Amino acid sequence: AQRKQLHTGDDSGQRTDTIMLLHDGSGPSLLMSIPRDSLVPIPGHGTTKINAAFAYGGPKLLIQTVENLTGIRIDHYVEIGFGGFVNVVDSVGGITICPSHTMNDKLANLHVKKGCQHADGRVALAYARSRHADPKLGDIARGGQQRQVVNAVGHKALSPWTFLNPFRYWNLNMSAADSIK
């Protein structure tokens, strides 16, 4: 029912929809998207799409694959499902998205106009998942949209208002606890 409500399809299996690598520490912070259809060597499974690593061996194999691909040691892993993503965005009161063009993606159930606008969790999820609305970049544009959403949620979650508003603080903590592994 949730997949139908959020228009996330009915694919079986456990492939990842989004893979991001966050570096925070010495040097500049970096949030890098790894396109899910990138063909890479997956230990023990040959060369195939990187999102299959999770299906073959869960987080452990996905982490090993990303480490082998990038040469970067992964210290922590975070996983969030589609419903959890919606809950986290809604817990901070929604976010602002700024599409550079009108976006209509039937498969993601996204229909937004060009320009900055408020997005609740469902719209933010559709925006982050949309890969058919950019006529020039297609799936590559999706990585930028995902980073925009993650940045907006992080900015709102770390704002002083979150800590001063007991309702927002409670909502964020509860949705994060229920939604993130």
Protein backbone atom coordinates (compact mmCIF):
# COMPACT_ATOMS: atom_id res chain seq x y z
CA ALA A 1 0.00 0.00 0.00
CA GLN A 2 2.87 2.35 0.85
CA ARG A 3 4.61 1.66 -2.50
CA LYS A 4 1.39 2.52 -4.32
CA GLN A 5 0.84 5.66 -2.24
CA LEU A 6 4.41 6.89 -2.80
CA HIS A 7 4.64 5.69 -6.44
CA THR A 8 7.83 3.73 -5.78
CA GLY A 9 7.01 0.80 -8.06
CA ASP A 10 6.65 -2.85 -7.25
CA ASP A 11 10.10 -4.24 -7.99
CA SER A 12 10.98 -7.23 -5.90
CA GLY A 13 14.42 -7.69 -4.42
CA GLN A 14 16.59 -5.44 -2.35
CA ARG A 15 18.40 -3.13 -4.77
CA THR A 16 19.36 0.33 -3.61
CA ASP A 17 17.63 3.32 -5.18
CA THR A 18 20.25 5.84 -4.09
CA ILE A 19 23.88 5.55 -3.05
CA MET A 20 25.67 8.55 -1.57
CA LEU A 21 29.08 8.89 -0.01
CA LEU A 22 29.52 11.59 2.64
CA HIS A 23 32.95 12.75 3.74
CA ASP A 24 32.95 14.92 6.84
CA GLY A 25 36.09 15.46 8.83
CA SER A 26 39.54 16.62 7.80
CA GLY A 27 39.37 18.65 4.63
CA PRO A 28 36.22 19.89 2.96
CA SER A 29 32.91 18.11 3.44
CA LEU A 30 31.71 16.24 0.37
CA LEU A 31 28.47 14.52 -0.56
CA MET A 32 28.95 12.41 -3.69
CA SER A 33 26.26 10.51 -5.56
CA ILE A 34 27.06 7.16 -7.12
CA PRO A 35 24.60 6.48 -9.96
CA ARG A 36 22.77 3.26 -9.19
CA ASP A 37 23.19 1.90 -12.72
CA SER A 38 27.00 2.30 -12.72
CA LEU A 39 28.63 -0.88 -13.98
CA VAL A 40 31.25 -1.91 -11.44
CA PRO A 41 33.00 -5.06 -10.26
CA ILE A 42 31.13 -6.55 -7.28
CA PRO A 43 33.28 -8.98 -5.30
CA GLY A 44 32.19 -12.54 -6.08
CA HIS A 45 29.58 -11.45 -8.64
CA GLY A 46 31.46 -10.02 -11.62
CA THR A 47 30.70 -6.67 -13.21
CA THR A 48 27.12 -5.50 -12.90
CA LYS A 49 25.08 -2.51 -11.71
CA ILE A 50 26.28 -1.24 -8.33
CA ASN A 51 22.80 -1.28 -6.86
CA ALA A 52 22.85 -5.09 -7.10
CA ALA A 53 25.62 -5.26 -4.47
CA PHE A 54 23.03 -4.71 -1.73
CA ALA A 55 20.80 -7.46 -3.14
CA TYR A 56 23.72 -9.91 -3.27
CA GLY A 57 25.19 -9.22 0.16
CA GLY A 58 23.39 -6.44 2.01
CA PRO A 59 25.18 -3.41 3.46
CA LYS A 60 28.45 -5.30 3.97
CA LEU A 61 28.90 -6.11 0.26
CA LEU A 62 27.70 -2.66 -0.82
CA ILE A 63 30.26 -1.02 1.48
CA GLN A 64 33.02 -3.33 0.23
CA THR A 65 32.08 -2.54 -3.38
CA VAL A 66 32.11 1.23 -2.78
CA GLU A 67 35.41 1.02 -0.90
CA ASN A 68 36.99 -0.98 -3.75
CA LEU A 69 35.59 1.42 -6.33
CA THR A 70 36.64 4.65 -4.62
CA GLY A 71 39.62 3.68 -2.48
CA ILE A 72 37.88 5.39 0.43
CA ARG A 73 37.38 3.60 3.75
CA ILE A 74 33.73 3.69 4.89
CA ASP A 75 33.38 4.23 8.64
CA HIS A 76 29.58 4.39 8.95
CA TYR A 77 26.57 3.24 6.97
CA VAL A 78 23.08 4.74 7.04
CA GLU A 79 20.00 3.22 5.43
CA ILE A 80 16.58 4.81 5.06
CA GLY A 81 13.51 3.47 3.27
CA PHE A 82 11.13 5.53 1.16
CA GLY A 83 8.52 5.89 3.93
CA GLY A 84 11.23 6.86 6.40
CA PHE A 85 12.53 9.47 3.97
CA VAL A 86 9.06 11.02 3.76
CA ASN A 87 8.75 11.00 7.56
CA VAL A 88 12.13 12.68 8.10
CA VAL A 89 11.35 15.46 5.59
CA ASP A 90 7.92 16.00 7.16
CA SER A 91 9.43 16.03 10.67
CA VAL A 92 11.43 19.17 9.83
CA GLY A 93 8.35 20.85 8.35
CA GLY A 94 9.20 20.12 4.73
CA ILE A 95 12.00 21.64 2.67
CA THR A 96 12.55 24.06 -0.18
CA ILE A 97 13.37 22.63 -3.60
CA CYS A 98 14.48 24.76 -6.54
CA PRO A 99 14.04 22.96 -9.87
CA SER A 100 15.63 24.74 -12.81
CA HIS A 101 12.76 23.69 -15.09
CA THR A 102 9.19 22.43 -14.83
CA MET A 103 9.31 18.75 -13.93
CA ASN A 104 6.69 16.19 -14.85
CA ASP A 105 7.65 12.59 -14.17
CA LYS A 106 4.71 10.23 -14.24
CA LEU A 107 6.73 7.30 -12.86
CA ALA A 108 7.83 9.28 -9.78
CA ASN A 109 4.46 11.08 -9.51
CA LEU A 110 6.26 14.42 -9.67
CA HIS A 111 4.60 17.55 -11.04
CA VAL A 112 6.38 20.77 -10.00
CA LYS A 113 6.99 24.10 -11.66
CA LYS A 114 10.32 25.79 -12.22
CA GLY A 115 11.60 27.83 -9.27
CA CYS A 116 11.93 27.55 -5.53
CA GLN A 117 8.95 26.12 -3.65
CA HIS A 118 8.01 24.25 -0.49
CA ALA A 119 7.97 20.45 -0.67
CA ASP A 120 6.51 18.06 1.88
CA GLY A 121 7.91 14.56 2.28
CA ARG A 122 6.02 13.03 -0.64
CA VAL A 123 7.03 15.76 -3.09
CA ALA A 124 10.64 15.69 -1.81
CA LEU A 125 10.75 11.93 -2.35
CA ALA A 126 9.36 12.24 -5.87
CA TYR A 127 11.85 15.05 -6.62
CA ALA A 128 14.77 13.00 -5.28
CA ARG A 129 13.71 9.90 -7.24
CA SER A 130 12.80 11.60 -10.53
CA ARG A 131 15.00 10.51 -13.41
CA HIS A 132 12.70 11.08 -16.36
CA ALA A 133 11.97 14.81 -16.06
CA ASP A 134 15.29 16.30 -17.17
CA PRO A 135 15.45 16.22 -20.97
CA LYS A 136 19.23 16.74 -21.06
CA LEU A 137 20.69 14.80 -18.13
CA GLY A 138 18.06 12.19 -17.22
CA ASP A 139 19.28 9.95 -14.40
CA ILE A 140 22.46 11.99 -13.87
CA ALA A 141 20.35 15.02 -12.83
CA ARG A 142 18.81 12.87 -10.12
CA GLY A 143 22.04 12.89 -8.11
CA GLY A 144 21.97 16.68 -7.89
CA GLN A 145 18.32 16.63 -6.84
CA GLN A 146 19.11 14.06 -4.14
CA ARG A 147 22.00 16.12 -2.79
CA GLN A 148 19.76 19.20 -2.77
CA VAL A 149 17.17 17.34 -0.67
CA VAL A 150 19.73 15.87 1.76
CA ASN A 151 21.34 19.30 2.18
CA ALA A 152 17.97 20.97 2.83
CA VAL A 153 16.97 18.36 5.43
CA GLY A 154 20.37 18.60 7.12
CA HIS A 155 20.22 22.40 7.18
CA LYS A 156 16.78 22.39 8.80
CA ALA A 157 17.63 19.57 11.21
CA LEU A 158 20.70 21.44 12.48
CA SER A 159 19.05 24.86 12.66
CA PRO A 160 18.59 26.44 16.10
CA TRP A 161 14.82 26.34 15.52
CA THR A 162 14.89 22.53 15.73
CA PHE A 163 16.37 22.69 19.22
CA LEU A 164 14.16 25.58 20.38
CA ASN A 165 10.91 24.06 19.13
CA PRO A 166 10.12 21.01 21.29
CA PHE A 167 7.59 19.65 18.76
CA ARG A 168 10.00 19.76 15.83
CA TYR A 169 12.80 18.35 17.98
CA TRP A 170 10.57 15.48 19.15
CA ASN A 171 9.23 14.80 15.64
CA LEU A 172 12.71 14.73 14.12
CA ASN A 173 14.11 12.46 16.83
CA MET A 174 11.18 10.05 16.64
CA SER A 175 11.11 9.88 12.83
CA ALA A 176 14.87 9.39 12.69
CA ALA A 177 14.75 6.63 15.31
CA ASP A 178 11.92 4.87 13.48
CA SER A 179 13.25 5.38 9.95
CA ILE A 180 17.04 5.19 9.88
CA LYS A 181 19.30 2.16 10.36
